[in-house]
C-alpha cells in the first residue's frame, strides 16, 4: 500500500506539501463560467468614476453636475470584458413608439469565450426626441443602465446625458402640436400674401391691372382662413383703387 502511494507521488511529480498550492493553481487555470467572470468584473467596477456634465435648461443658467455618461462607462468596461473573456451582444426583442417616445426591450447576451456558455439579461430602455433619434437614445439608455445595474456601478446623483431634456408627448399631443405649427405657418404665409397684394393694388397703373390682380388672387380672397375683416378690407381697397384709377384715366383722356 505504501509502495503504491509512493509510486503515484513520483508519477505526478508533486513535491511533498505542495498539494494545496497545486490545487489552487489548477482551479485558477480551469475555464470559468460566464457568471464567474461577471462576478469577477463586479469586484473591479467600484472604480468607475463620474464625469462633469453640463446641464443647460431651457430657461436659466447652465450648471455642472457629476454623472455617468455612456462613454465613461464603456471606456472602463470594454477592457474588463476583454480581460475576463466575455463577449457582449445586444439583440432587439421589442420596439414600440408612442408619440415622440420610443420604448424597447433588448436581450443582452454575455458569452464566455472559452466555454461558449451564455447568460442573457433582458433590459428595457426609453428615449424621447422631437426628431428621429428616439430609438438611438432608447438603445443608449438600455445599454448604460443594464451595465450599471448588472455590475453594481453606483448611480447616486446620476443625470441624463442630454443637455436639454425632451418632454414626452402622446400621439394626441403630437397631433395638436403639429396642427398648431401648421396653423401658425399658414397665418404667416397669409400675412405675407396680404402685404404683397396690398402693395400690388396700390401700385396698379390701370383698372385692368386691378381687375387682373383680383382675378389672380381670387383663391386667397375666398379662402376660409382669411379673416372676414381682412376680406372686407381688400374688397373696399379694390373698389377704391378702381374708382381712383378711373378718375385719373378720365383726366388723362380715357382709360388704358
Foldseek 3Di string as FASTA:
>chain_A
DVVVVVVVCVVVVADPPCVVVVVVVVVVPDQDALVVLLVVLLVVQQPQFWDWAWADEPDDDIDIDTAHALVSLCVVVVVSCVVSQKDKDKDWDDWDDFQQKIKTKIWIWIARNPPRDIDTDIWMFMAGDPDPCGVVRRVRRRVVVCSCVSSVHDGVRHDDRDSYDDDDDGPVRNVVVVVVVVLVVVVVVLVVVLVVLLVQLVPDQFLVSLVVSCVVCVCSLPDPSDDPVSSVVVVVSSVVSNVVNQVVQVVVPHGD
